[in-house]
Amino acid sequence: MKQLVEAIAKALVDIPEEVSVYEIESQQSVVIELSVAKQDLGKIIGRKGQNVQAVRTILNAASGKSKKRIILELIE
């Protein structure tokens, strides 16, 4: 999941070197923390949150087999 979020984020931003992804796993969930450059935060969120919601939908679809809840958090 970490590589998936990192690949999507690097494709969306202007400064891909500033993208960092951390994964925190527990028994029932996985928290993925995404950090990007300050000027690229709007590109990740998208208009009315459409981009970040689309990434969350992809993560939920990809996590079907693992039966763990995936939580994507944006770190400023």
Protein backbone atom coordinates (compact mmCIF):
# COMPACT_ATOMS: atom_id res chain seq x y z
CA MET A 1 0.00 0.00 0.00
CA LYS A 2 2.87 2.33 0.81
CA GLN A 3 4.33 2.03 -2.69
CA LEU A 4 0.91 2.60 -4.27
CA VAL A 5 0.33 5.85 -2.37
CA GLU A 6 3.87 7.01 -3.09
CA ALA A 7 3.54 6.38 -6.83
CA ILE A 8 0.20 8.20 -7.06
CA ALA A 9 1.44 11.15 -5.01
CA LYS A 10 4.65 11.54 -7.04
CA ALA A 11 2.59 11.60 -10.24
CA LEU A 12 0.38 14.42 -8.92
CA VAL A 13 2.93 16.85 -7.44
CA ASP A 14 5.48 19.25 -8.94
CA ILE A 15 8.25 18.33 -6.46
CA PRO A 16 8.29 14.50 -6.23
CA GLU A 17 11.47 14.53 -4.10
CA GLU A 18 9.47 16.01 -1.20
CA VAL A 19 6.98 13.12 -1.08
CA SER A 20 7.34 10.88 1.95
CA VAL A 21 5.04 8.06 3.02
CA TYR A 22 4.99 6.34 6.41
CA GLU A 23 2.96 3.26 7.24
CA ILE A 24 1.79 2.43 10.78
CA GLU A 25 0.18 -0.98 11.10
CA SER A 26 -1.99 -2.31 13.91
CA GLN A 27 -4.14 -5.43 14.22
CA GLN A 28 -7.27 -3.98 12.62
CA SER A 29 -6.05 -1.02 10.60
CA VAL A 30 -3.20 0.50 8.65
CA VAL A 31 -2.54 4.24 8.87
CA ILE A 32 -0.68 5.73 5.93
CA GLU A 33 0.76 9.19 6.52
CA LEU A 34 1.49 11.20 3.38
CA SER A 35 3.68 14.28 3.51
CA VAL A 36 4.32 16.57 0.52
CA ALA A 37 5.77 20.03 -0.07
CA LYS A 38 3.58 22.87 1.18
CA GLN A 39 2.88 24.21 -2.33
CA ASP A 40 1.83 20.74 -3.55
CA LEU A 41 -0.71 20.08 -0.81
CA GLY A 42 -3.53 21.56 -2.89
CA LYS A 43 -2.73 19.25 -5.80
CA ILE A 44 -2.99 16.19 -3.56
CA ILE A 45 -6.28 17.35 -2.06
CA GLY A 46 -7.77 18.47 -5.38
CA ARG A 47 -10.87 20.53 -6.00
CA LYS A 48 -13.40 19.85 -3.22
CA GLY A 49 -11.18 16.97 -2.05
CA GLN A 50 -11.72 14.86 -5.14
CA ASN A 51 -8.10 13.71 -5.56
CA VAL A 52 -7.58 12.60 -1.98
CA GLN A 53 -10.97 10.89 -1.97
CA ALA A 54 -10.06 9.01 -5.14
CA VAL A 55 -6.80 7.80 -3.55
CA ARG A 56 -8.73 6.64 -0.48
CA THR A 57 -11.17 4.75 -2.71
CA ILE A 58 -8.31 3.01 -4.50
CA LEU A 59 -6.75 2.04 -1.16
CA ASN A 60 -10.02 0.62 0.13
CA ALA A 61 -10.43 -1.43 -3.04
CA ALA A 62 -6.86 -2.70 -2.84
CA SER A 63 -7.19 -3.64 0.83
CA GLY A 64 -10.07 -6.07 0.28
CA LYS A 65 -7.99 -9.20 0.77
CA SER A 66 -6.16 -8.00 3.88
CA LYS A 67 -9.42 -7.24 5.75
CA LYS A 68 -7.78 -4.26 7.45
CA ARG A 69 -9.09 -0.73 7.38
CA ILE A 70 -6.83 1.66 5.49
CA ILE A 71 -6.64 5.26 6.74
CA LEU A 72 -4.88 7.91 4.67
CA GLU A 73 -3.74 11.00 6.57
CA LEU A 74 -2.20 14.09 5.01
CA ILE A 75 0.59 15.61 7.10
CA GLU A 76 1.23 19.33 6.66
